[in-house]
């Protein structure tokens, strides 16, 4: 599986939520009304053996943006992640300058490039 297919798998998962999404950010002026999602792969957490990368692991961030606290939308994302077997951590912040809540879901997933 190549890198584009890895992103496609995540996009397929996010499509299940029915919430608009983009990788990293929406283009200037194209951000939809909340709720919306951005997602990115900000780092790796690879496992080594014999001085080499034995297992490649991506860290995934799914960021939900809402203009008010929305437990139903959060539950929709959490159920989708649960159905796909992801163990995730969740944090939340209020972004005053944007007047939006950001709920961040962080998890790791095995990279399967070339398989």
PDB file of N, CA and C in Angstrom:
ATOM      1  N   UNK A   1       0.852  -1.180   0.000  1.00  0.00           N
ATOM      2  CA  UNK A   1       0.000   0.000   0.000  1.00  0.00           C
ATOM      3  C   UNK A   1       0.890   1.233   0.000  1.00  0.00           C
ATOM      4  N   UNK A   2       0.614   2.194  -0.859  1.00  0.00           N
ATOM      5  CA  UNK A   2       1.439   3.387  -0.893  1.00  0.00           C
ATOM      6  C   UNK A   2       0.869   4.462   0.025  1.00  0.00           C
ATOM      7  N   UNK A   3       1.606   5.570   0.130  1.00  0.00           N
ATOM      8  CA  UNK A   3       1.213   6.628   1.061  1.00  0.00           C
ATOM      9  C   UNK A   3      -0.162   7.192   0.727  1.00  0.00           C
ATOM     10  N   UNK A   4      -0.484   7.341  -0.554  1.00  0.00           N
ATOM     11  CA  UNK A   4      -1.796   7.863  -0.925  1.00  0.00           C
ATOM     12  C   UNK A   4      -2.903   6.943  -0.435  1.00  0.00           C
ATOM     13  N   UNK A   5      -2.684   5.630  -0.508  1.00  0.00           N
ATOM     14  CA  UNK A   5      -3.687   4.694  -0.013  1.00  0.00           C
ATOM     15  C   UNK A   5      -3.836   4.801   1.502  1.00  0.00           C
ATOM     16  N   UNK A   6      -2.728   5.081   2.218  1.00  0.00           N
ATOM     17  CA  UNK A   6      -2.819   5.289   3.663  1.00  0.00           C
ATOM     18  C   UNK A   6      -3.723   6.478   3.962  1.00  0.00           C
ATOM     19  N   UNK A   7      -3.552   7.563   3.227  1.00  0.00           N
ATOM     20  CA  UNK A   7      -4.413   8.725   3.418  1.00  0.00           C
ATOM     21  C   UNK A   7      -5.839   8.411   3.002  1.00  0.00           C
ATOM     22  N   UNK A   8      -5.992   7.617   1.943  1.00  0.00           N
ATOM     23  CA  UNK A   8      -7.337   7.272   1.486  1.00  0.00           C
ATOM     24  C   UNK A   8      -8.082   6.487   2.554  1.00  0.00           C
ATOM     25  N   UNK A   9      -7.391   5.593   3.247  1.00  0.00           N
ATOM     26  CA  UNK A   9      -8.018   4.843   4.339  1.00  0.00           C
ATOM     27  C   UNK A   9      -8.552   5.784   5.420  1.00  0.00           C
ATOM     28  N   UNK A  10      -7.757   6.791   5.780  1.00  0.00           N
ATOM     29  CA  UNK A  10      -8.207   7.758   6.777  1.00  0.00           C
ATOM     30  C   UNK A  10      -9.368   8.595   6.235  1.00  0.00           C
ATOM     31  N   UNK A  11      -9.292   8.975   4.964  1.00  0.00           N
ATOM     32  CA  UNK A  11     -10.378   9.757   4.374  1.00  0.00           C
ATOM     33  C   UNK A  11     -11.663   8.940   4.313  1.00  0.00           C
ATOM     34  N   UNK A  12     -11.547   7.647   4.029  1.00  0.00           N
ATOM     35  CA  UNK A  12     -12.730   6.779   4.024  1.00  0.00           C
ATOM     36  C   UNK A  12     -13.359   6.727   5.416  1.00  0.00           C
ATOM     37  N   UNK A  13     -12.511   6.613   6.438  1.00  0.00           N
ATOM     38  CA  UNK A  13     -12.993   6.594   7.818  1.00  0.00           C
ATOM     39  C   UNK A  13     -13.717   7.897   8.142  1.00  0.00           C
ATOM     40  N   UNK A  14     -13.129   9.032   7.772  1.00  0.00           N
ATOM     41  CA  UNK A  14     -13.746  10.320   8.073  1.00  0.00           C
ATOM     42  C   UNK A  14     -15.022  10.545   7.271  1.00  0.00           C
ATOM     43  N   UNK A  15     -15.080  10.005   6.065  1.00  0.00           N
ATOM     44  CA  UNK A  15     -16.292  10.121   5.254  1.00  0.00           C
ATOM     45  C   UNK A  15     -17.482   9.493   5.967  1.00  0.00           C
ATOM     46  N   UNK A  16     -17.221   8.426   6.713  1.00  0.00           N
ATOM     47  CA  UNK A  16     -18.294   7.753   7.457  1.00  0.00           C
ATOM     48  C   UNK A  16     -18.981   8.675   8.455  1.00  0.00           C
ATOM     49  N   UNK A  17     -18.285   9.701   8.935  1.00  0.00           N
ATOM     50  CA  UNK A  17     -18.872  10.610   9.922  1.00  0.00           C
ATOM     51  C   UNK A  17     -19.856  11.584   9.276  1.00  0.00           C
ATOM     52  N   UNK A  18     -19.707  11.838   7.985  1.00  0.00           N
ATOM     53  CA  UNK A  18     -20.557  12.816   7.308  1.00  0.00           C
ATOM     54  C   UNK A  18     -20.169  14.260   7.591  1.00  0.00           C
ATOM     55  N   UNK A  19     -19.045  14.471   8.254  1.00  0.00           N
ATOM     56  CA  UNK A  19     -18.573  15.815   8.602  1.00  0.00           C
ATOM     57  C   UNK A  19     -17.532  16.236   7.566  1.00  0.00           C
ATOM     58  N   UNK A  20     -17.608  17.463   7.027  1.00  0.00           N
ATOM     59  CA  UNK A  20     -16.595  17.910   6.060  1.00  0.00           C
ATOM     60  C   UNK A  20     -15.199  17.851   6.669  1.00  0.00           C
ATOM     61  N   UNK A  21     -14.205  17.473   5.848  1.00  0.00           N
ATOM     62  CA  UNK A  21     -12.837  17.358   6.351  1.00  0.00           C
ATOM     63  C   UNK A  21     -11.824  17.721   5.275  1.00  0.00           C
ATOM     64  N   UNK A  22     -10.599  18.020   5.731  1.00  0.00           N
ATOM     65  CA  UNK A  22      -9.480  18.307   4.836  1.00  0.00           C
ATOM     66  C   UNK A  22      -8.198  17.876   5.532  1.00  0.00           C
ATOM     67  N   UNK A  23      -7.182  17.581   4.729  1.00  0.00           N
ATOM     68  CA  UNK A  23      -5.871  17.279   5.296  1.00  0.00           C
ATOM     69  C   UNK A  23      -5.215  18.596   5.716  1.00  0.00           C
ATOM     70  N   UNK A  24      -4.854  18.706   6.964  1.00  0.00           N
ATOM     71  CA  UNK A  24      -4.152  19.823   7.588  1.00  0.00           C
ATOM     72  C   UNK A  24      -4.982  21.102   7.684  1.00  0.00           C
ATOM     73  N   UNK A  25      -5.556  21.558   6.575  1.00  0.00           N
ATOM     74  CA  UNK A  25      -6.327  22.805   6.613  1.00  0.00           C
ATOM     75  C   UNK A  25      -7.177  22.911   5.349  1.00  0.00           C
ATOM     76  N   UNK A  26      -8.164  23.751   5.403  1.00  0.00           N
ATOM     77  CA  UNK A  26      -8.945  24.072   4.217  1.00  0.00           C
ATOM     78  C   UNK A  26      -8.269  25.245   3.516  1.00  0.00           C
ATOM     79  N   UNK A  27      -8.416  25.324   2.207  1.00  0.00           N
ATOM     80  CA  UNK A  27      -7.863  26.448   1.461  1.00  0.00           C
ATOM     81  C   UNK A  27      -8.497  27.746   1.949  1.00  0.00           C
ATOM     82  N   UNK A  28      -7.753  28.823   1.840  1.00  0.00           N
ATOM     83  CA  UNK A  28      -8.228  30.132   2.265  1.00  0.00           C
ATOM     84  C   UNK A  28      -9.614  30.425   1.681  1.00  0.00           C
ATOM     85  N   UNK A  29     -10.551  30.742   2.564  1.00  0.00           N
ATOM     86  CA  UNK A  29     -11.901  31.074   2.141  1.00  0.00           C
ATOM     87  C   UNK A  29     -12.794  29.884   1.834  1.00  0.00           C
ATOM     88  N   UNK A  30     -12.288  28.661   1.980  1.00  0.00           N
ATOM     89  CA  UNK A  30     -13.079  27.476   1.661  1.00  0.00           C
ATOM     90  C   UNK A  30     -13.461  26.656   2.887  1.00  0.00           C
ATOM     91  N   UNK A  31     -13.189  27.178   4.053  1.00  0.00           N
ATOM     92  CA  UNK A  31     -13.539  26.461   5.276  1.00  0.00           C
ATOM     93  C   UNK A  31     -15.059  26.416   5.414  1.00  0.00           C
ATOM     94  N   UNK A  32     -15.617  25.226   5.635  1.00  0.00           N
ATOM     95  CA  UNK A  32     -17.074  25.139   5.800  1.00  0.00           C
ATOM     96  C   UNK A  32     -17.495  25.657   7.177  1.00  0.00           C
ATOM     97  N   UNK A  33     -18.782  25.842   7.352  1.00  0.00           N
ATOM     98  CA  UNK A  33     -19.309  26.204   8.668  1.00  0.00           C
ATOM     99  C   UNK A  33     -19.090  25.022   9.617  1.00  0.00           C
ATOM    100  N   UNK A  34     -18.826  25.297  10.895  1.00  0.00           N
ATOM    101  CA  UNK A  34     -18.657  24.206  11.862  1.00  0.00           C
ATOM    102  C   UNK A  34     -19.927  23.380  11.975  1.00  0.00           C
ATOM    103  N   UNK A  35     -19.813  22.106  12.284  1.00  0.00           N
ATOM    104  CA  UNK A  35     -18.569  21.393  12.601  1.00  0.00           C
ATOM    105  C   UNK A  35     -17.820  20.992  11.330  1.00  0.00           C
ATOM    106  N   UNK A  36     -16.486  20.936  11.461  1.00  0.00           N
ATOM    107  CA  UNK A  36     -15.638  20.404  10.400  1.00  0.00           C
ATOM    108  C   UNK A  36     -14.410  19.777  11.042  1.00  0.00           C
ATOM    109  N   UNK A  37     -13.691  19.002  10.227  1.00  0.00           N
ATOM    110  CA  UNK A  37     -12.540  18.229  10.709  1.00  0.00           C
ATOM    111  C   UNK A  37     -11.326  18.553   9.854  1.00  0.00           C
ATOM    112  N   UNK A  38     -10.171  18.630  10.496  1.00  0.00           N
ATOM    113  CA  UNK A  38      -8.904  18.537   9.775  1.00  0.00           C
ATOM    114  C   UNK A  38      -8.164  17.344  10.372  1.00  0.00           C
ATOM    115  N   UNK A  39      -7.322  16.737   9.547  1.00  0.00           N
ATOM    116  CA  UNK A  39      -6.526  15.625  10.048  1.00  0.00           C
ATOM    117  C   UNK A  39      -5.124  15.730   9.486  1.00  0.00           C
ATOM    118  N   UNK A  40      -4.162  15.178  10.204  1.00  0.00           N
ATOM    119  CA  UNK A  40      -2.785  15.184   9.735  1.00  0.00           C
ATOM    120  C   UNK A  40      -1.988  14.099  10.430  1.00  0.00           C
ATOM    121  N   UNK A  41      -0.832  13.849   9.863  1.00  0.00           N
ATOM    122  CA  UNK A  41       0.117  12.866  10.395  1.00  0.00           C
ATOM    123  C   UNK A  41       1.359  13.642  10.823  1.00  0.00           C
ATOM    124  N   UNK A  42       1.363  14.225  12.028  1.00  0.00           N
ATOM    125  CA  UNK A  42       2.414  15.162  12.415  1.00  0.00           C
ATOM    126  C   UNK A  42       3.751  14.543  12.779  1.00  0.00           C
ATOM    127  N   UNK A  43       3.779  13.234  13.037  1.00  0.00           N
ATOM    128  CA  UNK A  43       5.031  12.597  13.447  1.00  0.00           C
ATOM    129  C   UNK A  43       4.900  11.087  13.339  1.00  0.00           C
ATOM    130  N   UNK A  44       6.018  10.427  13.595  1.00  0.00           N
ATOM    131  CA  UNK A  44       6.009   8.964  13.644  1.00  0.00           C
ATOM    132  C   UNK A  44       6.451   8.515  15.027  1.00  0.00           C
ATOM    133  N   UNK A  45       6.182   7.266  15.331  1.00  0.00           N
ATOM    134  CA  UNK A  45       6.624   6.651  16.580  1.00  0.00           C
ATOM    135  C   UNK A  45       7.084   5.236  16.238  1.00  0.00           C
ATOM    136  N   UNK A  46       8.129   5.173  15.411  1.00  0.00           N
ATOM    137  CA  UNK A  46       8.604   3.905  14.873  1.00  0.00           C
ATOM    138  C   UNK A  46       9.252   3.034  15.942  1.00  0.00           C
ATOM    139  N   UNK A  47       9.251   1.732  15.681  1.00  0.00           N
ATOM    140  CA  UNK A  47       9.866   0.739  16.557  1.00  0.00           C
ATOM    141  C   UNK A  47      11.117   0.215  15.869  1.00  0.00           C
ATOM    142  N   UNK A  48      12.213   0.143  16.606  1.00  0.00           N
ATOM    143  CA  UNK A  48      13.469  -0.290  16.001  1.00  0.00           C
ATOM    144  C   UNK A  48      13.874  -1.684  16.456  1.00  0.00           C
ATOM    145  N   UNK A  49      14.637  -2.327  15.594  1.00  0.00           N
ATOM    146  CA  UNK A  49      15.258  -3.617  15.908  1.00  0.00           C
ATOM    147  C   UNK A  49      16.529  -3.725  15.078  1.00  0.00           C
ATOM    148  N   UNK A  50      17.599  -4.155  15.710  1.00  0.00           N
ATOM    149  CA  UNK A  50      18.889  -4.315  15.034  1.00  0.00           C
ATOM    150  C   UNK A  50      19.338  -3.036  14.340  1.00  0.00           C
ATOM    151  N   UNK A  51      19.065  -1.895  14.972  1.00  0.00           N
ATOM    152  CA  UNK A  51      19.528  -0.616  14.449  1.00  0.00           C
ATOM    153  C   UNK A  51      18.765  -0.114  13.234  1.00  0.00           C
ATOM    154  N   UNK A  52      17.623  -0.715  12.940  1.00  0.00           N
ATOM    155  CA  UNK A  52      16.825  -0.299  11.787  1.00  0.00           C
ATOM    156  C   UNK A  52      15.378  -0.102  12.218  1.00  0.00           C
ATOM    157  N   UNK A  53      14.618   0.571  11.362  1.00  0.00           N
ATOM    158  CA  UNK A  53      13.182   0.694  11.612  1.00  0.00           C
ATOM    159  C   UNK A  53      12.559  -0.663  11.326  1.00  0.00           C
ATOM    160  N   UNK A  54      12.029  -1.280  12.353  1.00  0.00           N
ATOM    161  CA  UNK A  54      11.399  -2.592  12.231  1.00  0.00           C
ATOM    162  C   UNK A  54       9.907  -2.458  11.921  1.00  0.00           C
ATOM    163  N   UNK A  55       9.279  -1.483  12.581  1.00  0.00           N
ATOM    164  CA  UNK A  55       7.850  -1.263  12.393  1.00  0.00           C
ATOM    165  C   UNK A  55       7.604   0.237  12.302  1.00  0.00           C
ATOM    166  N   UNK A  56       7.039   0.678  11.179  1.00  0.00           N
ATOM    167  CA  UNK A  56       6.719   2.091  10.994  1.00  0.00           C
ATOM    168  C   UNK A  56       5.334   2.362  11.573  1.00  0.00           C
ATOM    169  N   UNK A  57       5.263   3.432  12.377  1.00  0.00           N
ATOM    170  CA  UNK A  57       4.012   3.803  13.028  1.00  0.00           C
ATOM    171  C   UNK A  57       3.797   5.305  12.839  1.00  0.00           C
ATOM    172  N   UNK A  58       2.646   5.673  12.286  1.00  0.00           N
ATOM    173  CA  UNK A  58       2.267   7.080  12.149  1.00  0.00           C
ATOM    174  C   UNK A  58       1.434   7.507  13.346  1.00  0.00           C
ATOM    175  N   UNK A  59       1.664   8.720  13.793  1.00  0.00           N
ATOM    176  CA  UNK A  59       0.782   9.357  14.756  1.00  0.00           C
ATOM    177  C   UNK A  59      -0.257  10.124  13.938  1.00  0.00           C
ATOM    178  N   UNK A  60      -1.520   9.935  14.261  1.00  0.00           N
ATOM    179  CA  UNK A  60      -2.615  10.570  13.537  1.00  0.00           C
ATOM    180  C   UNK A  60      -3.327  11.546  14.464  1.00  0.00           C
ATOM    181  N   UNK A  61      -3.601  12.739  13.963  1.00  0.00           N
ATOM    182  CA  UNK A  61      -4.412  13.719  14.680  1.00  0.00           C
ATOM    183  C   UNK A  61      -5.672  13.984  13.869  1.00  0.00           C
ATOM    184  N   UNK A  62      -6.810  13.822  14.503  1.00  0.00           N
ATOM    185  CA  UNK A  62      -8.094  14.222  13.926  1.00  0.00           C
ATOM    186  C   UNK A  62      -8.598  15.354  14.805  1.00  0.00           C
ATOM    187  N   UNK A  63      -8.783  16.528  14.204  1.00  0.00           N
ATOM    188  CA  UNK A  63      -9.181  17.722  14.936  1.00  0.00           C
ATOM    189  C   UNK A  63     -10.610  18.093  14.544  1.00  0.00           C
ATOM    190  N   UNK A  64     -11.505  18.042  15.500  1.00  0.00           N
ATOM    191  CA  UNK A  64     -12.900  18.432  15.294  1.00  0.00           C
ATOM    192  C   UNK A  64     -13.067  19.871  15.762  1.00  0.00           C
ATOM    193  N   UNK A  65     -13.629  20.709  14.901  1.00  0.00           N
ATOM    194  CA  UNK A  65     -13.887  22.112  15.241  1.00  0.00           C
ATOM    195  C   UNK A  65     -15.386  22.355  15.280  1.00  0.00           C
ATOM    196  N   UNK A  66     -15.855  22.933  16.393  1.00  0.00           N
ATOM    197  CA  UNK A  66     -17.263  23.269  16.553  1.00  0.00           C
ATOM    198  C   UNK A  66     -17.369  24.664  17.157  1.00  0.00           C
ATOM    199  N   UNK A  67     -18.483  25.338  16.901  1.00  0.00           N
ATOM    200  CA  UNK A  67     -18.655  26.670  17.472  1.00  0.00           C
ATOM    201  C   UNK A  67     -19.343  26.632  18.836  1.00  0.00           C
ATOM    202  N   UNK A  68     -19.800  25.460  19.233  1.00  0.00           N
ATOM    203  CA  UNK A  68     -20.326  25.244  20.585  1.00  0.00           C
ATOM    204  C   UNK A  68     -20.024  23.805  20.980  1.00  0.00           C
ATOM    205  N   UNK A  69     -20.013  23.545  22.259  1.00  0.00           N
ATOM    206  CA  UNK A  69     -19.768  22.185  22.742  1.00  0.00           C
ATOM    207  C   UNK A  69     -20.821  21.264  22.134  1.00  0.00           C
ATOM    208  N   UNK A  70     -20.361  20.154  21.507  1.00  0.00           N
ATOM    209  CA  UNK A  70     -21.285  19.306  20.770  1.00  0.00           C
ATOM    210  C   UNK A  70     -20.992  17.829  21.052  1.00  0.00           C
ATOM    211  N   UNK A  71     -21.471  17.303  22.185  1.00  0.00           N
ATOM    212  CA  UNK A  71     -21.200  15.910  22.553  1.00  0.00           C
ATOM    213  C   UNK A  71     -21.690  14.899  21.520  1.00  0.00           C
ATOM    214  N   UNK A  72     -22.780  15.188  20.826  1.00  0.00           N
ATOM    215  CA  UNK A  72     -23.308  14.246  19.828  1.00  0.00           C
ATOM    216  C   UNK A  72     -22.320  14.066  18.673  1.00  0.00           C
ATOM    217  N   UNK A  73     -21.729  15.164  18.225  1.00  0.00           N
ATOM    218  CA  UNK A  73     -20.755  15.085  17.133  1.00  0.00           C
ATOM    219  C   UNK A  73     -19.499  14.367  17.603  1.00  0.00           C
ATOM    220  N   UNK A  74     -19.069  14.640  18.811  1.00  0.00           N
ATOM    221  CA  UNK A  74     -17.907  13.943  19.358  1.00  0.00           C
ATOM    222  C   UNK A  74     -18.177  12.445  19.437  1.00  0.00           C
ATOM    223  N   UNK A  75     -19.368  12.084  19.891  1.00  0.00           N
ATOM    224  CA  UNK A  75     -19.727  10.673  19.996  1.00  0.00           C
ATOM    225  C   UNK A  75     -19.723  10.001  18.621  1.00  0.00           C
ATOM    226  N   UNK A  76     -20.147  10.703  17.597  1.00  0.00           N
ATOM    227  CA  UNK A  76     -20.128  10.171  16.235  1.00  0.00           C
ATOM    228  C   UNK A  76     -18.699   9.811  15.817  1.00  0.00           C
ATOM    229  N   UNK A  77     -17.770  10.693  16.075  1.00  0.00           N
ATOM    230  CA  UNK A  77     -16.365  10.429  15.741  1.00  0.00           C
ATOM    231  C   UNK A  77     -15.836   9.276  16.593  1.00  0.00           C
ATOM    232  N   UNK A  78     -16.141   9.288  17.875  1.00  0.00           N
ATOM    233  CA  UNK A  78     -15.645   8.243  18.770  1.00  0.00           C
ATOM    234  C   UNK A  78     -16.187   6.873  18.385  1.00  0.00           C
ATOM    235  N   UNK A  79     -17.437   6.800  18.022  1.00  0.00           N
ATOM    236  CA  UNK A  79     -18.001   5.515  17.581  1.00  0.00           C
ATOM    237  C   UNK A  79     -17.322   5.031  16.302  1.00  0.00           C
ATOM    238  N   UNK A  80     -17.044   5.949  15.395  1.00  0.00           N
ATOM    239  CA  UNK A  80     -16.358   5.569  14.156  1.00  0.00           C
ATOM    240  C   UNK A  80     -14.964   5.038  14.461  1.00  0.00           C
ATOM    241  N   UNK A  81     -14.220   5.721  15.320  1.00  0.00           N
ATOM    242  CA  UNK A  81     -12.887   5.245  15.700  1.00  0.00           C
ATOM    243  C   UNK A  81     -12.974   3.905  16.421  1.00  0.00           C
ATOM    244  N   UNK A  82     -13.961   3.768  17.309  1.00  0.00           N
ATOM    245  CA  UNK A  82     -14.148   2.503  18.029  1.00  0.00           C
ATOM    246  C   UNK A  82     -14.446   1.361  17.059  1.00  0.00           C
ATOM    247  N   UNK A  83     -15.317   1.600  16.097  1.00  0.00           N
ATOM    248  CA  UNK A  83     -15.677   0.565  15.118  1.00  0.00           C
ATOM    249  C   UNK A  83     -14.482   0.106  14.297  1.00  0.00           C
ATOM    250  N   UNK A  84     -13.515   0.992  14.103  1.00  0.00           N
ATOM    251  CA  UNK A  84     -12.316   0.645  13.342  1.00  0.00           C
ATOM    252  C   UNK A  84     -11.175   0.169  14.242  1.00  0.00           C
ATOM    253  N   UNK A  85     -11.441   0.040  15.535  1.00  0.00           N
ATOM    254  CA  UNK A  85     -10.473  -0.545  16.457  1.00  0.00           C
ATOM    255  C   UNK A  85      -9.322   0.355  16.864  1.00  0.00           C
ATOM    256  N   UNK A  86      -9.507   1.667  16.796  1.00  0.00           N
ATOM    257  CA  UNK A  86      -8.431   2.572  17.187  1.00  0.00           C
ATOM    258  C   UNK A  86      -8.540   2.918  18.665  1.00  0.00           C
ATOM    259  N   UNK A  87      -7.402   2.850  19.348  1.00  0.00           N
ATOM    260  CA  UNK A  87      -7.294   3.341  20.715  1.00  0.00           C
ATOM    261  C   UNK A  87      -6.821   4.781  20.618  1.00  0.00           C
ATOM    262  N   UNK A  88      -7.580   5.720  21.125  1.00  0.00           N
ATOM    263  CA  UNK A  88      -7.276   7.135  20.947  1.00  0.00           C
ATOM    264  C   UNK A  88      -7.276   7.859  22.286  1.00  0.00           C
ATOM    265  N   UNK A  89      -6.622   8.981  22.291  1.00  0.00           N
ATOM    266  CA  UNK A  89      -6.672   9.930  23.401  1.00  0.00           C
ATOM    267  C   UNK A  89      -7.415  11.155  22.902  1.00  0.00           C
ATOM    268  N   UNK A  90      -8.086  11.848  23.810  1.00  0.00           N
ATOM    269  CA  UNK A  90      -8.912  12.990  23.447  1.00  0.00           C
ATOM    270  C   UNK A  90      -8.566  14.180  24.327  1.00  0.00           C
ATOM    271  N   UNK A  91      -8.386  15.341  23.713  1.00  0.00           N
ATOM    272  CA  UNK A  91      -8.191  16.585  24.452  1.00  0.00           C
ATOM    273  C   UNK A  91      -9.087  17.653  23.829  1.00  0.00           C
ATOM    274  N   UNK A  92      -9.312  18.715  24.583  1.00  0.00           N
ATOM    275  CA  UNK A  92     -10.190  19.782  24.098  1.00  0.00           C
ATOM    276  C   UNK A  92      -9.647  21.132  24.522  1.00  0.00           C
ATOM    277  N   UNK A  93      -9.747  22.105  23.624  1.00  0.00           N
ATOM    278  CA  UNK A  93      -9.382  23.489  23.944  1.00  0.00           C
ATOM    279  C   UNK A  93     -10.376  24.434  23.278  1.00  0.00           C
ATOM    280  N   UNK A  94     -10.531  25.610  23.865  1.00  0.00           N
ATOM    281  CA  UNK A  94     -11.290  26.704  23.267  1.00  0.00           C
ATOM    282  C   UNK A  94     -10.279  27.629  22.612  1.00  0.00           C
ATOM    283  N   UNK A  95     -10.451  27.904  21.320  1.00  0.00           N
ATOM    284  CA  UNK A  95      -9.558  28.804  20.597  1.00  0.00           C
ATOM    285  C   UNK A  95     -10.260  30.155  20.521  1.00  0.00           C
ATOM    286  N   UNK A  96      -9.888  31.045  21.406  1.00  0.00           N
ATOM    287  CA  UNK A  96     -10.558  32.339  21.529  1.00  0.00           C
ATOM    288  C   UNK A  96     -10.513  33.132  20.230  1.00  0.00           C
ATOM    289  N   UNK A  97      -9.350  33.177  19.578  1.00  0.00           N
ATOM    290  CA  UNK A  97      -9.204  33.985  18.363  1.00  0.00           C
ATOM    291  C   UNK A  97     -10.102  33.495  17.230  1.00  0.00           C
ATOM    292  N   UNK A  98     -10.417  32.213  17.210  1.00  0.00           N
ATOM    293  CA  UNK A  98     -11.273  31.639  16.172  1.00  0.00           C
ATOM    294  C   UNK A  98     -12.719  31.465  16.640  1.00  0.00           C
ATOM    295  N   UNK A  99     -12.918  31.585  17.965  1.00  0.00           N
ATOM    296  CA  UNK A  99     -14.226  31.358  18.579  1.00  0.00           C
ATOM    297  C   UNK A  99     -14.744  29.958  18.262  1.00  0.00           C
ATOM    298  N   UNK A 100     -13.825  28.984  18.375  1.00  0.00           N
ATOM    299  CA  UNK A 100     -14.129  27.586  18.081  1.00  0.00           C
ATOM    300  C   UNK A 100     -13.556  26.686  19.172  1.00  0.00           C
ATOM    301  N   UNK A 101     -14.255  25.590  19.416  1.00  0.00           N
ATOM    302  CA  UNK A 101     -13.689  24.506  20.209  1.00  0.00           C
ATOM    303  C   UNK A 101     -12.924  23.588  19.267  1.00  0.00           C
ATOM    304  N   UNK A 102     -11.782  23.097  19.747  1.00  0.00           N
ATOM    305  CA  UNK A 102     -11.046  22.060  19.025  1.00  0.00           C
ATOM    306  C   UNK A 102     -11.002  20.834  19.920  1.00  0.00           C
ATOM    307  N   UNK A 103     -11.550  19.735  19.426  1.00  0.00           N
ATOM    308  CA  UNK A 103     -11.437  18.460  20.117  1.00  0.00           C
ATOM    309  C   UNK A 103     -10.464  17.629  19.300  1.00  0.00           C
ATOM    310  N   UNK A 104      -9.360  17.256  19.932  1.00  0.00           N
ATOM    311  CA  UNK A 104      -8.286  16.535  19.251  1.00  0.00           C
ATOM    312  C   UNK A 104      -8.326  15.069  19.635  1.00  0.00           C
ATOM    313  N   UNK A 105      -8.375  14.214  18.625  1.00  0.00           N
ATOM    314  CA  UNK A 105      -8.264  12.764  18.801  1.00  0.00           C
ATOM    315  C   UNK A 105      -6.899  12.364  18.273  1.00  0.00           C
ATOM    316  N   UNK A 106      -6.074  11.763  19.118  1.00  0.00           N
ATOM    317  CA  UNK A 106      -4.731  11.322  18.737  1.00  0.00           C
ATOM    318  C   UNK A 106      -4.643   9.817  18.876  1.00  0.00           C
ATOM    319  N   UNK A 107      -4.058   9.188  17.858  1.00  0.00           N
ATOM    320  CA  UNK A 107      -3.832   7.756  17.932  1.00  0.00           C
ATOM    321  C   UNK A 107      -2.690   7.380  17.001  1.00  0.00           C
ATOM    322  N   UNK A 108      -2.230   6.150  17.146  1.00  0.00           N
ATOM    323  CA  UNK A 108      -1.166   5.632  16.302  1.00  0.00           C
ATOM    324  C   UNK A 108      -1.715   4.535  15.414  1.00  0.00           C
ATOM    325  N   UNK A 109      -1.095   4.415  14.230  1.00  0.00           N
ATOM    326  CA  UNK A 109      -1.485   3.314  13.342  1.00  0.00           C
ATOM    327  C   UNK A 109      -0.266   2.812  12.591  1.00  0.00           C
ATOM    328  N   UNK A 110      -0.242   1.526  12.416  1.00  0.00           N
ATOM    329  CA  UNK A 110       0.840   0.854  11.701  1.00  0.00           C
ATOM    330  C   UNK A 110       0.852   1.325  10.243  1.00  0.00           C
ATOM    331  N   UNK A 111       2.028   1.639   9.754  1.00  0.00           N
ATOM    332  CA  UNK A 111       2.201   2.021   8.359  1.00  0.00           C
ATOM    333  C   UNK A 111       2.381   0.758   7.541  1.00  0.00           C
ATOM    334  N   UNK A 112       1.613   0.636   6.485  1.00  0.00           N
ATOM    335  CA  UNK A 112       1.649  -0.589   5.676  1.00  0.00           C
ATOM    336  C   UNK A 112       2.074  -0.297   4.245  1.00  0.00           C
ATOM    337  N   UNK A 113       2.919   0.717   4.037  1.00  0.00           N
ATOM    338  CA  UNK A 113       3.406   1.026   2.689  1.00  0.00           C
ATOM    339  C   UNK A 113       4.089  -0.201   2.112  1.00  0.00           C
ATOM    340  N   UNK A 114       3.820  -0.478   0.879  1.00  0.00           N
ATOM    341  CA  UNK A 114       4.503  -1.572   0.196  1.00  0.00           C
ATOM    342  C   UNK A 114       3.918  -2.934   0.463  1.00  0.00           C
ATOM    343  N   UNK A 115       2.910  -3.037   1.316  1.00  0.00           N
ATOM    344  CA  UNK A 115       2.312  -4.349   1.598  1.00  0.00           C
ATOM    345  C   UNK A 115       1.125  -4.590   0.700  1.00  0.00           C
TER     346      UNK A 115
END
